Structure formats: structure tokens, C-alpha cells
């Protein structure tokens, strides 16, 4: 089965040699998004929650650019740097996915550039 790289001005810019969004059939595979605001290139001012919310906003932006949305996410993987941030991640996750949340894996890892969270996703196209 062939795959297509989703491109366009609204697709978050990759930070390396990878595709931010790949479509194959009715599935979308989103590369991990950090809490970098795409318009400023910086992490939003504030605490970890602001960075966490920005990571999910970037996921939402990538999904919209590919013709989907948060309600079509079936799986996420959350990479984060500090176990103490898990309650905040759970709070934001519940806000982002208030009904029928997707499956999730999570791992504590070291992230490049001092980032504290990175989230990837698998979603379906509506229809």
C-alpha cells in the first residue's frame, strides 16, 4: 500500500529529516509534536501545562491540515521528561479528548532541546 506525505502551509514544520504527517488509506500517522508554538518557534510562556497544551494544539493543527480532527485520533504516544508532570498531562489529555479518549502509551524520556513533552498520534480520516 502506498503512502502520501501531507504537505501544506498549515502542516507543522519538521525539526529534522522526517514527514510530520503521512497518510496511507484512511489512516494518518503524525510524527511527535513538541510544545513549540509554530508561529513563534518558541515554547509558550508559562508553566509545563502551557507547553503540554501547545503540543496538543500542534497535533490538532496537523490533523486539520490533513483533513481530520482530534475526535478521529485512535492512538497517541506521550513522551515526557519528568514523572511529576503526569497529573498535568492527564488533565490536559482529558480536556483535549473529553469523550472516548484514544488509546495511549507514555514514556519518560530525555527530549532534545530541553523540551518537556512530545506527542505523536495515529488518526483516521472522517467518512
C-alpha atoms as a PDB file:
ATOM      1  CA  UNK A   1       0.000   0.000   0.000  1.00  0.00           C
ATOM      2  CA  UNK A   2       1.384   3.390  -0.964  1.00  0.00           C
ATOM      3  CA  UNK A   3       1.606   6.313   1.373  1.00  0.00           C
ATOM      4  CA  UNK A   4       1.418  10.047   0.834  1.00  0.00           C
ATOM      5  CA  UNK A   5       3.227  12.770   2.727  1.00  0.00           C
ATOM      6  CA  UNK A   6       0.771  15.504   3.723  1.00  0.00           C
ATOM      7  CA  UNK A   7       2.151  18.916   2.857  1.00  0.00           C
ATOM      8  CA  UNK A   8       0.945  22.496   3.070  1.00  0.00           C
ATOM      9  CA  UNK A   9       1.426  25.745   4.901  1.00  0.00           C
ATOM     10  CA  UNK A  10      -0.620  24.533   7.891  1.00  0.00           C
ATOM     11  CA  UNK A  11       1.372  21.350   8.475  1.00  0.00           C
ATOM     12  CA  UNK A  12       3.753  21.848  11.427  1.00  0.00           C
ATOM     13  CA  UNK A  13       7.343  22.256  10.268  1.00  0.00           C
ATOM     14  CA  UNK A  14       9.546  19.236  10.917  1.00  0.00           C
ATOM     15  CA  UNK A  15      12.658  19.743  13.014  1.00  0.00           C
ATOM     16  CA  UNK A  16      14.572  17.065  11.110  1.00  0.00           C
ATOM     17  CA  UNK A  17      14.503  14.731   8.086  1.00  0.00           C
ATOM     18  CA  UNK A  18      11.043  13.255   8.607  1.00  0.00           C
ATOM     19  CA  UNK A  19       7.469  13.827   7.489  1.00  0.00           C
ATOM     20  CA  UNK A  20       5.145  15.445  10.031  1.00  0.00           C
ATOM     21  CA  UNK A  21       2.071  13.652   8.628  1.00  0.00           C
ATOM     22  CA  UNK A  22       1.826  10.566   6.451  1.00  0.00           C
ATOM     23  CA  UNK A  23      -1.444   9.253   5.012  1.00  0.00           C
ATOM     24  CA  UNK A  24      -1.995   5.672   3.952  1.00  0.00           C
ATOM     25  CA  UNK A  25      -5.527   4.641   3.077  1.00  0.00           C
ATOM     26  CA  UNK A  26      -7.803   6.116   5.744  1.00  0.00           C
ATOM     27  CA  UNK A  27      -5.049   6.325   8.360  1.00  0.00           C
ATOM     28  CA  UNK A  28      -2.929   9.304   9.352  1.00  0.00           C
ATOM     29  CA  UNK A  29       0.382   8.897  11.168  1.00  0.00           C
ATOM     30  CA  UNK A  30       1.576  12.042  12.912  1.00  0.00           C
ATOM     31  CA  UNK A  31       5.180  12.466  13.969  1.00  0.00           C
ATOM     32  CA  UNK A  32       5.720  13.602  17.525  1.00  0.00           C
ATOM     33  CA  UNK A  33       4.928  17.251  18.177  1.00  0.00           C
ATOM     34  CA  UNK A  34       6.599  19.196  20.941  1.00  0.00           C
ATOM     35  CA  UNK A  35       5.271  22.248  22.742  1.00  0.00           C
ATOM     36  CA  UNK A  36       6.838  24.685  20.275  1.00  0.00           C
ATOM     37  CA  UNK A  37       4.469  27.377  19.028  1.00  0.00           C
ATOM     38  CA  UNK A  38       4.686  27.163  15.238  1.00  0.00           C
ATOM     39  CA  UNK A  39       4.148  30.903  14.804  1.00  0.00           C
ATOM     40  CA  UNK A  40       6.964  31.981  17.143  1.00  0.00           C
ATOM     41  CA  UNK A  41       9.326  28.994  17.096  1.00  0.00           C
ATOM     42  CA  UNK A  42       9.438  29.086  20.895  1.00  0.00           C
ATOM     43  CA  UNK A  43       7.843  27.297  23.810  1.00  0.00           C
ATOM     44  CA  UNK A  44       4.884  29.357  25.106  1.00  0.00           C
ATOM     45  CA  UNK A  45       5.408  31.461  28.203  1.00  0.00           C
ATOM     46  CA  UNK A  46       4.220  29.798  31.377  1.00  0.00           C
ATOM     47  CA  UNK A  47       4.468  26.507  33.135  1.00  0.00           C
ATOM     48  CA  UNK A  48       4.554  22.919  31.895  1.00  0.00           C
ATOM     49  CA  UNK A  49       0.808  22.998  31.225  1.00  0.00           C
ATOM     50  CA  UNK A  50       1.281  25.701  28.569  1.00  0.00           C
ATOM     51  CA  UNK A  51       3.934  23.590  26.822  1.00  0.00           C
ATOM     52  CA  UNK A  52       1.724  20.498  27.072  1.00  0.00           C
ATOM     53  CA  UNK A  53      -1.306  22.297  25.628  1.00  0.00           C
ATOM     54  CA  UNK A  54       0.825  23.626  22.770  1.00  0.00           C
ATOM     55  CA  UNK A  55       1.961  20.100  21.875  1.00  0.00           C
ATOM     56  CA  UNK A  56      -1.680  19.023  21.577  1.00  0.00           C
ATOM     57  CA  UNK A  57      -2.524  22.212  19.637  1.00  0.00           C
ATOM     58  CA  UNK A  58       0.205  21.232  17.172  1.00  0.00           C
ATOM     59  CA  UNK A  59      -1.331  17.764  16.850  1.00  0.00           C
ATOM     60  CA  UNK A  60      -4.706  19.379  16.185  1.00  0.00           C
ATOM     61  CA  UNK A  61      -3.172  21.710  13.582  1.00  0.00           C
ATOM     62  CA  UNK A  62      -1.540  18.769  11.777  1.00  0.00           C
ATOM     63  CA  UNK A  63      -4.808  16.825  11.816  1.00  0.00           C
ATOM     64  CA  UNK A  64      -6.778  19.745  10.370  1.00  0.00           C
ATOM     65  CA  UNK A  65      -4.183  20.195   7.625  1.00  0.00           C
ATOM     66  CA  UNK A  66      -4.658  16.513   6.742  1.00  0.00           C
ATOM     67  CA  UNK A  67      -8.472  16.715   6.730  1.00  0.00           C
ATOM     68  CA  UNK A  68      -9.120  15.160  10.119  1.00  0.00           C
ATOM     69  CA  UNK A  69      -9.515  16.279  13.730  1.00  0.00           C
ATOM     70  CA  UNK A  70      -8.892  15.359  17.341  1.00  0.00           C
ATOM     71  CA  UNK A  71     -12.117  13.334  17.519  1.00  0.00           C
ATOM     72  CA  UNK A  72     -10.589  10.919  14.966  1.00  0.00           C
ATOM     73  CA  UNK A  73      -7.437  10.125  16.957  1.00  0.00           C
ATOM     74  CA  UNK A  74      -7.274   6.441  17.844  1.00  0.00           C
ATOM     75  CA  UNK A  75      -3.818   6.234  19.494  1.00  0.00           C
ATOM     76  CA  UNK A  76      -1.250   8.571  20.993  1.00  0.00           C
ATOM     77  CA  UNK A  77       2.185   8.170  22.458  1.00  0.00           C
ATOM     78  CA  UNK A  78       3.215  10.757  25.018  1.00  0.00           C
ATOM     79  CA  UNK A  79       6.909  11.213  25.726  1.00  0.00           C
ATOM     80  CA  UNK A  80       7.684  13.375  28.736  1.00  0.00           C
ATOM     81  CA  UNK A  81      10.725  14.262  30.778  1.00  0.00           C
ATOM     82  CA  UNK A  82       9.508  14.333  34.394  1.00  0.00           C
ATOM     83  CA  UNK A  83       7.228  11.891  36.206  1.00  0.00           C
ATOM     84  CA  UNK A  84       5.928  14.801  38.311  1.00  0.00           C
ATOM     85  CA  UNK A  85       4.252  16.175  35.144  1.00  0.00           C
ATOM     86  CA  UNK A  86       1.948  13.157  34.696  1.00  0.00           C
ATOM     87  CA  UNK A  87      -1.028  14.706  36.584  1.00  0.00           C
ATOM     88  CA  UNK A  88      -0.839  17.760  34.305  1.00  0.00           C
ATOM     89  CA  UNK A  89      -0.629  15.548  31.220  1.00  0.00           C
ATOM     90  CA  UNK A  90      -3.702  13.629  32.395  1.00  0.00           C
ATOM     91  CA  UNK A  91      -5.601  16.890  32.983  1.00  0.00           C
ATOM     92  CA  UNK A  92      -4.754  18.259  29.536  1.00  0.00           C
ATOM     93  CA  UNK A  93      -5.468  14.890  27.902  1.00  0.00           C
ATOM     94  CA  UNK A  94      -8.937  14.835  29.481  1.00  0.00           C
ATOM     95  CA  UNK A  95      -9.566  18.381  28.201  1.00  0.00           C
ATOM     96  CA  UNK A  96      -8.334  17.577  24.680  1.00  0.00           C
ATOM     97  CA  UNK A  97     -10.210  14.261  24.489  1.00  0.00           C
ATOM     98  CA  UNK A  98     -13.308  14.752  26.695  1.00  0.00           C
ATOM     99  CA  UNK A  99     -15.258  11.834  25.175  1.00  0.00           C
ATOM    100  CA  UNK A 100     -13.991   8.396  24.194  1.00  0.00           C
ATOM    101  CA  UNK A 101     -10.289   9.214  24.592  1.00  0.00           C
ATOM    102  CA  UNK A 102      -7.889   7.378  22.307  1.00  0.00           C
ATOM    103  CA  UNK A 103      -5.571   4.620  23.423  1.00  0.00           C
ATOM    104  CA  UNK A 104      -2.342   5.974  24.866  1.00  0.00           C
ATOM    105  CA  UNK A 105       1.172   4.897  25.634  1.00  0.00           C
ATOM    106  CA  UNK A 106       3.508   7.065  27.668  1.00  0.00           C
ATOM    107  CA  UNK A 107       7.198   7.012  28.458  1.00  0.00           C
ATOM    108  CA  UNK A 108       9.601   9.118  30.449  1.00  0.00           C
ATOM    109  CA  UNK A 109      12.490  10.067  28.172  1.00  0.00           C
ATOM    110  CA  UNK A 110      15.146  12.684  27.604  1.00  0.00           C
ATOM    111  CA  UNK A 111      13.956  15.131  24.945  1.00  0.00           C
ATOM    112  CA  UNK A 112      16.124  17.293  22.682  1.00  0.00           C
ATOM    113  CA  UNK A 113      16.403  21.000  23.265  1.00  0.00           C
ATOM    114  CA  UNK A 114      15.188  20.858  26.841  1.00  0.00           C
ATOM    115  CA  UNK A 115      11.659  20.065  25.729  1.00  0.00           C
ATOM    116  CA  UNK A 116       9.443  18.534  28.376  1.00  0.00           C
ATOM    117  CA  UNK A 117       6.791  16.814  26.219  1.00  0.00           C
ATOM    118  CA  UNK A 118       6.380  15.339  22.770  1.00  0.00           C
ATOM    119  CA  UNK A 119       3.218  13.644  21.466  1.00  0.00           C
ATOM    120  CA  UNK A 120       2.617  11.548  18.365  1.00  0.00           C
ATOM    121  CA  UNK A 121      -0.706  10.235  17.105  1.00  0.00           C
ATOM    122  CA  UNK A 122      -2.496   7.886  14.767  1.00  0.00           C
ATOM    123  CA  UNK A 123      -5.865   9.061  13.439  1.00  0.00           C
ATOM    124  CA  UNK A 124      -8.402   8.126  10.813  1.00  0.00           C
ATOM    125  CA  UNK A 125      -9.854  10.287   8.102  1.00  0.00           C
ATOM    126  CA  UNK A 126     -13.546  11.048   8.542  1.00  0.00           C
ATOM    127  CA  UNK A 127     -16.005   9.346   6.278  1.00  0.00           C
END
